[in-house]
Amino acid sequence: MSIWPLAFVSGLTFGDYLVWHWSLNSNHDVIASVSGLTLPPLGVACMWLLVLSAMRVLARHGRRPASRARRLAADAQPGGAPATGARAGGVRPGTAGAPQATHAAGAARGKSSGKIAA
């Protein structure tokens, strides 16, 4: 999500607040009432977008260590290949620690087909 909706609504809210404040001080009752009625919904929308953006930043920040750990593991392996799936002899979900059949058969022949067992 881009930051443009938050910036746009924040600008509208701040502008509406300035108009409301100006119209109260210069005795423009109609303008003060219109801008005063539009200010609360704009404030709520601005707060909603601010909270939503903050939650997205926190969620993105929370996922970064996993991707960083994968990159570090890939750099540590010879050839820079990531340590996942059949090529690394990993354990398939749902199996009790058994290596995948395609990797074991490929290692016995000295080469791998590159296909993942279904």
N, C-alpha and C. Protein backbone atom coordinates (compact mmCIF):
# COMPACT_ATOMS: atom_id res chain seq x y z
N MET A 1 0.85 -1.18 0.00
CA MET A 1 0.00 0.00 0.00
C MET A 1 0.89 1.24 0.00
N SER A 2 0.51 2.21 -0.78
CA SER A 2 1.31 3.43 -0.83
C SER A 2 0.91 4.36 0.31
N ILE A 3 1.70 5.39 0.48
CA ILE A 3 1.46 6.34 1.56
C ILE A 3 0.57 7.50 1.10
N TRP A 4 0.23 7.54 -0.18
CA TRP A 4 -0.54 8.66 -0.72
C TRP A 4 -1.92 8.83 -0.08
N PRO A 5 -2.69 7.77 0.17
CA PRO A 5 -3.99 7.99 0.83
C PRO A 5 -3.85 8.62 2.21
N LEU A 6 -2.86 8.18 2.98
CA LEU A 6 -2.64 8.76 4.30
C LEU A 6 -2.24 10.22 4.20
N ALA A 7 -1.36 10.54 3.27
CA ALA A 7 -0.92 11.93 3.11
C ALA A 7 -2.08 12.81 2.63
N PHE A 8 -2.90 12.29 1.72
CA PHE A 8 -4.03 13.07 1.19
C PHE A 8 -5.07 13.34 2.27
N VAL A 9 -5.45 12.32 3.01
CA VAL A 9 -6.46 12.50 4.06
C VAL A 9 -5.92 13.36 5.20
N SER A 10 -4.64 13.20 5.51
CA SER A 10 -4.03 14.06 6.55
C SER A 10 -4.03 15.52 6.12
N GLY A 11 -3.72 15.76 4.86
CA GLY A 11 -3.75 17.13 4.33
C GLY A 11 -5.15 17.72 4.35
N LEU A 12 -6.15 16.92 3.96
CA LEU A 12 -7.53 17.39 4.02
C LEU A 12 -7.96 17.70 5.45
N THR A 13 -7.57 16.84 6.37
CA THR A 13 -7.93 17.05 7.77
C THR A 13 -7.29 18.31 8.32
N PHE A 14 -6.02 18.49 8.05
CA PHE A 14 -5.32 19.68 8.53
C PHE A 14 -5.89 20.95 7.88
N GLY A 15 -6.19 20.89 6.59
CA GLY A 15 -6.79 22.04 5.90
C GLY A 15 -8.17 22.37 6.45
N ASP A 16 -8.95 21.34 6.72
CA ASP A 16 -10.28 21.56 7.28
C ASP A 16 -10.18 22.16 8.68
N TYR A 17 -9.21 21.70 9.46
CA TYR A 17 -9.01 22.28 10.78
C TYR A 17 -8.62 23.75 10.68
N LEU A 18 -7.75 24.10 9.74
CA LEU A 18 -7.36 25.50 9.57
C LEU A 18 -8.54 26.37 9.15
N VAL A 19 -9.37 25.86 8.24
CA VAL A 19 -10.56 26.61 7.81
C VAL A 19 -11.52 26.77 8.98
N TRP A 20 -11.72 25.73 9.75
CA TRP A 20 -12.62 25.79 10.90
C TRP A 20 -12.12 26.81 11.92
N HIS A 21 -10.83 26.76 12.21
CA HIS A 21 -10.25 27.69 13.17
C HIS A 21 -10.35 29.14 12.68
N TRP A 22 -10.04 29.36 11.42
CA TRP A 22 -10.13 30.71 10.84
C TRP A 22 -11.57 31.23 10.87
N SER A 23 -12.52 30.36 10.49
CA SER A 23 -13.91 30.81 10.41
C SER A 23 -14.49 31.10 11.79
N LEU A 24 -14.04 30.40 12.83
CA LEU A 24 -14.51 30.71 14.18
C LEU A 24 -13.97 32.05 14.65
N ASN A 25 -12.72 32.33 14.32
CA ASN A 25 -12.12 33.58 14.77
C ASN A 25 -12.60 34.81 14.00
N SER A 26 -13.08 34.61 12.79
CA SER A 26 -13.51 35.76 11.99
C SER A 26 -15.03 35.81 11.82
N ASN A 27 -15.76 35.11 12.66
CA ASN A 27 -17.22 35.15 12.71
C ASN A 27 -17.89 34.78 11.38
N HIS A 28 -17.43 33.74 10.75
CA HIS A 28 -18.09 33.16 9.57
C HIS A 28 -18.81 31.90 10.03
N ASP A 29 -20.05 32.06 10.46
CA ASP A 29 -20.77 30.97 11.12
C ASP A 29 -21.07 29.79 10.20
N VAL A 30 -21.45 30.07 8.95
CA VAL A 30 -21.82 28.98 8.04
C VAL A 30 -20.58 28.15 7.70
N ILE A 31 -19.49 28.81 7.39
CA ILE A 31 -18.26 28.09 7.07
C ILE A 31 -17.76 27.31 8.29
N ALA A 32 -17.90 27.89 9.47
CA ALA A 32 -17.47 27.21 10.70
C ALA A 32 -18.30 25.97 10.94
N SER A 33 -19.60 26.04 10.70
CA SER A 33 -20.44 24.87 10.94
C SER A 33 -20.19 23.77 9.91
N VAL A 34 -19.99 24.15 8.64
CA VAL A 34 -19.72 23.13 7.61
C VAL A 34 -18.37 22.45 7.87
N SER A 35 -17.35 23.25 8.10
CA SER A 35 -16.03 22.64 8.34
C SER A 35 -15.99 21.91 9.67
N GLY A 36 -16.78 22.36 10.64
CA GLY A 36 -16.86 21.65 11.92
C GLY A 36 -17.56 20.32 11.79
N LEU A 37 -18.52 20.21 10.88
CA LEU A 37 -19.21 18.94 10.67
C LEU A 37 -18.36 17.94 9.88
N THR A 38 -17.50 18.43 9.01
CA THR A 38 -16.66 17.52 8.23
C THR A 38 -15.37 17.14 8.95
N LEU A 39 -15.01 17.86 9.97
CA LEU A 39 -13.75 17.59 10.67
C LEU A 39 -13.74 16.25 11.41
N PRO A 40 -14.77 15.86 12.16
CA PRO A 40 -14.70 14.56 12.86
C PRO A 40 -14.57 13.34 11.94
N PRO A 41 -15.35 13.25 10.83
CA PRO A 41 -15.13 12.08 9.95
C PRO A 41 -13.74 12.06 9.32
N LEU A 42 -13.22 13.24 8.96
CA LEU A 42 -11.87 13.29 8.41
C LEU A 42 -10.83 12.89 9.47
N GLY A 43 -11.06 13.29 10.70
CA GLY A 43 -10.14 12.90 11.78
C GLY A 43 -10.15 11.41 12.02
N VAL A 44 -11.32 10.81 11.99
CA VAL A 44 -11.43 9.35 12.17
C VAL A 44 -10.75 8.62 11.02
N ALA A 45 -10.98 9.08 9.80
CA ALA A 45 -10.34 8.45 8.63
C ALA A 45 -8.82 8.59 8.69
N CYS A 46 -8.35 9.74 9.13
CA CYS A 46 -6.91 9.96 9.25
C CYS A 46 -6.31 9.03 10.30
N MET A 47 -6.97 8.90 11.43
CA MET A 47 -6.46 8.00 12.48
C MET A 47 -6.49 6.55 12.02
N TRP A 48 -7.55 6.16 11.31
CA TRP A 48 -7.68 4.79 10.80
C TRP A 48 -6.53 4.48 9.84
N LEU A 49 -6.26 5.37 8.90
CA LEU A 49 -5.18 5.15 7.95
C LEU A 49 -3.81 5.15 8.64
N LEU A 50 -3.66 5.97 9.65
CA LEU A 50 -2.40 6.01 10.39
C LEU A 50 -2.16 4.69 11.13
N VAL A 51 -3.19 4.17 11.79
CA VAL A 51 -3.07 2.89 12.50
C VAL A 51 -2.84 1.75 11.51
N LEU A 52 -3.55 1.77 10.39
CA LEU A 52 -3.39 0.73 9.38
C LEU A 52 -1.97 0.73 8.80
N SER A 53 -1.45 1.91 8.53
CA SER A 53 -0.08 2.01 8.01
C SER A 53 0.93 1.54 9.05
N ALA A 54 0.72 1.89 10.30
CA ALA A 54 1.64 1.46 11.35
C ALA A 54 1.61 -0.06 11.52
N MET A 55 0.44 -0.65 11.42
CA MET A 55 0.35 -2.11 11.53
C MET A 55 1.04 -2.80 10.36
N ARG A 56 0.92 -2.25 9.17
CA ARG A 56 1.59 -2.84 8.01
C ARG A 56 3.10 -2.73 8.13
N VAL A 57 3.58 -1.61 8.65
CA VAL A 57 5.02 -1.46 8.85
C VAL A 57 5.51 -2.46 9.89
N LEU A 58 4.76 -2.62 10.97
CA LEU A 58 5.15 -3.60 12.00
C LEU A 58 5.11 -5.03 11.47
N ALA A 59 4.12 -5.34 10.66
CA ALA A 59 4.02 -6.69 10.10
C ALA A 59 5.17 -6.95 9.13
N ARG A 60 5.52 -5.97 8.33
CA ARG A 60 6.64 -6.12 7.40
C ARG A 60 7.95 -6.23 8.16
N HIS A 61 8.08 -5.46 9.23
CA HIS A 61 9.30 -5.50 10.04
C HIS A 61 9.42 -6.83 10.76
N GLY A 62 8.31 -7.43 11.15
CA GLY A 62 8.33 -8.71 11.85
C GLY A 62 8.74 -9.86 10.96
N ARG A 63 8.54 -9.75 9.66
CA ARG A 63 8.91 -10.83 8.74
C ARG A 63 10.34 -10.73 8.25
N ARG A 64 10.99 -9.63 8.45
CA ARG A 64 12.34 -9.45 7.91
C ARG A 64 13.37 -10.42 8.45
N PRO A 65 13.39 -10.77 9.73
CA PRO A 65 14.44 -11.68 10.21
C PRO A 65 14.41 -13.04 9.52
N ALA A 66 13.24 -13.55 9.14
CA ALA A 66 13.18 -14.85 8.48
C ALA A 66 13.84 -14.77 7.10
N SER A 67 13.56 -13.73 6.35
CA SER A 67 14.18 -13.61 5.04
C SER A 67 15.68 -13.35 5.17
N ARG A 68 16.06 -12.61 6.19
CA ARG A 68 17.48 -12.36 6.42
C ARG A 68 18.19 -13.66 6.80
N ALA A 69 17.52 -14.49 7.61
CA ALA A 69 18.11 -15.77 8.00
C ALA A 69 18.26 -16.69 6.79
N ARG A 70 17.28 -16.66 5.87
CA ARG A 70 17.40 -17.47 4.66
C ARG A 70 18.57 -17.01 3.80
N ARG A 71 18.74 -15.69 3.70
CA ARG A 71 19.85 -15.19 2.90
C ARG A 71 21.18 -15.58 3.53
N LEU A 72 21.28 -15.51 4.85
CA LEU A 72 22.52 -15.89 5.52
C LEU A 72 22.79 -17.38 5.36
N ALA A 73 21.75 -18.21 5.42
CA ALA A 73 21.92 -19.65 5.24
C ALA A 73 22.34 -19.95 3.81
N ALA A 74 21.79 -19.21 2.84
CA ALA A 74 22.15 -19.43 1.45
C ALA A 74 23.59 -19.03 1.19
N ASP A 75 24.04 -17.97 1.84
CA ASP A 75 25.42 -17.54 1.67
C ASP A 75 26.39 -18.51 2.32
N ALA A 76 25.98 -19.18 3.37
CA ALA A 76 26.85 -20.10 4.08
C ALA A 76 27.02 -21.42 3.34
N GLN A 77 26.08 -21.78 2.47
CA GLN A 77 26.15 -23.04 1.75
C GLN A 77 27.09 -22.92 0.56
N PRO A 78 27.75 -24.02 0.18
CA PRO A 78 28.59 -23.98 -1.01
C PRO A 78 27.74 -23.72 -2.25
N GLY A 79 28.12 -22.80 -3.04
CA GLY A 79 27.38 -22.47 -4.25
C GLY A 79 26.29 -21.45 -4.01
N GLY A 80 26.00 -21.12 -2.78
CA GLY A 80 25.01 -20.11 -2.46
C GLY A 80 23.57 -20.56 -2.63
N ALA A 81 23.33 -21.90 -2.73
CA ALA A 81 21.96 -22.40 -2.89
C ALA A 81 21.22 -22.34 -1.57
N PRO A 82 19.94 -21.98 -1.58
CA PRO A 82 19.19 -21.92 -0.33
C PRO A 82 18.98 -23.31 0.26
N ALA A 83 18.92 -23.38 1.57
CA ALA A 83 18.80 -24.65 2.27
C ALA A 83 17.34 -25.00 2.48
N THR A 84 16.61 -25.25 1.39
CA THR A 84 15.21 -25.64 1.50
C THR A 84 14.91 -26.73 0.50
N GLY A 85 13.84 -27.48 0.77
CA GLY A 85 13.30 -28.43 -0.20
C GLY A 85 14.15 -29.67 -0.39
N ALA A 86 13.94 -30.32 -1.55
CA ALA A 86 14.54 -31.61 -1.84
C ALA A 86 16.04 -31.51 -2.08
N ARG A 87 16.52 -30.39 -2.57
CA ARG A 87 17.94 -30.28 -2.88
C ARG A 87 18.81 -30.29 -1.63
N ALA A 88 18.28 -29.85 -0.51
CA ALA A 88 19.07 -29.84 0.71
C ALA A 88 18.80 -31.07 1.56
N GLY A 89 17.95 -31.99 1.08
CA GLY A 89 17.65 -33.18 1.85
C GLY A 89 16.77 -32.89 3.02
N GLY A 90 15.94 -31.87 2.89
CA GLY A 90 15.09 -31.44 3.99
C GLY A 90 13.96 -32.40 4.24
N VAL A 91 13.25 -32.20 5.31
CA VAL A 91 12.14 -33.04 5.70
C VAL A 91 10.86 -32.44 5.15
N ARG A 92 10.06 -33.25 4.51
CA ARG A 92 8.78 -32.79 3.98
C ARG A 92 7.79 -32.64 5.12
N PRO A 93 6.90 -31.67 5.04
CA PRO A 93 5.87 -31.56 6.06
C PRO A 93 4.98 -32.79 6.05
N GLY A 94 4.68 -33.33 7.18
CA GLY A 94 3.81 -34.49 7.28
C GLY A 94 4.57 -35.80 7.36
N THR A 95 5.88 -35.80 7.13
CA THR A 95 6.65 -37.03 7.27
C THR A 95 7.41 -36.98 8.58
N ALA A 96 7.75 -38.13 9.08
CA ALA A 96 8.40 -38.19 10.39
C ALA A 96 9.91 -38.19 10.26
N GLY A 97 10.46 -37.15 9.68
CA GLY A 97 11.90 -37.02 9.63
C GLY A 97 12.58 -37.79 8.52
N ALA A 98 11.83 -38.38 7.58
CA ALA A 98 12.43 -39.14 6.50
C ALA A 98 12.85 -38.20 5.38
N PRO A 99 14.04 -38.41 4.79
CA PRO A 99 14.43 -37.56 3.67
C PRO A 99 13.56 -37.84 2.46
N GLN A 100 13.48 -36.90 1.56
CA GLN A 100 12.63 -37.07 0.38
C GLN A 100 13.23 -38.13 -0.53
N ALA A 101 12.35 -38.86 -1.20
CA ALA A 101 12.77 -39.98 -2.03
C ALA A 101 13.58 -39.51 -3.24
N THR A 102 13.21 -38.42 -3.86
CA THR A 102 13.93 -37.98 -5.04
C THR A 102 15.35 -37.58 -4.72
N HIS A 103 15.58 -37.01 -3.56
CA HIS A 103 16.93 -36.62 -3.18
C HIS A 103 17.79 -37.85 -2.91
N ALA A 104 17.23 -38.84 -2.20
CA ALA A 104 18.00 -40.03 -1.86
C ALA A 104 18.35 -40.82 -3.13
N ALA A 105 17.38 -40.93 -4.06
CA ALA A 105 17.65 -41.65 -5.30
C ALA A 105 18.66 -40.89 -6.16
N GLY A 106 18.53 -39.58 -6.20
CA GLY A 106 19.46 -38.77 -6.99
C GLY A 106 20.86 -38.80 -6.42
N ALA A 107 20.98 -38.82 -5.10
CA ALA A 107 22.30 -38.85 -4.47
C ALA A 107 22.97 -40.18 -4.72
N ALA A 108 22.20 -41.28 -4.80
CA ALA A 108 22.78 -42.59 -5.04
C ALA A 108 23.36 -42.66 -6.44
N ARG A 109 22.73 -42.00 -7.41
CA ARG A 109 23.23 -41.99 -8.77
C ARG A 109 24.29 -40.91 -8.99
N GLY A 110 24.35 -39.94 -8.08
CA GLY A 110 25.33 -38.88 -8.23
C GLY A 110 24.76 -37.63 -8.88
N LYS A 111 23.50 -37.67 -9.26
CA LYS A 111 22.88 -36.48 -9.82
C LYS A 111 21.41 -36.46 -9.45
N SER A 112 20.81 -35.29 -9.49
CA SER A 112 19.42 -35.12 -9.10
C SER A 112 18.60 -34.73 -10.32
N SER A 113 17.37 -35.21 -10.38
CA SER A 113 16.48 -34.87 -11.48
C SER A 113 15.93 -33.46 -11.34
N GLY A 114 15.96 -32.90 -10.13
CA GLY A 114 15.45 -31.56 -9.91
C GLY A 114 13.95 -31.53 -9.72
N LYS A 115 13.29 -32.67 -9.77
CA LYS A 115 11.84 -32.73 -9.57
C LYS A 115 11.53 -33.01 -8.10
N ILE A 116 10.41 -32.50 -7.66
CA ILE A 116 9.99 -32.71 -6.29
C ILE A 116 8.92 -33.78 -6.27
N ALA A 117 9.04 -34.74 -5.36
CA ALA A 117 8.06 -35.81 -5.26
C ALA A 117 6.74 -35.28 -4.80
N ALA A 118 5.65 -35.80 -5.39
CA ALA A 118 4.31 -35.34 -5.02
C ALA A 118 3.78 -36.09 -3.84
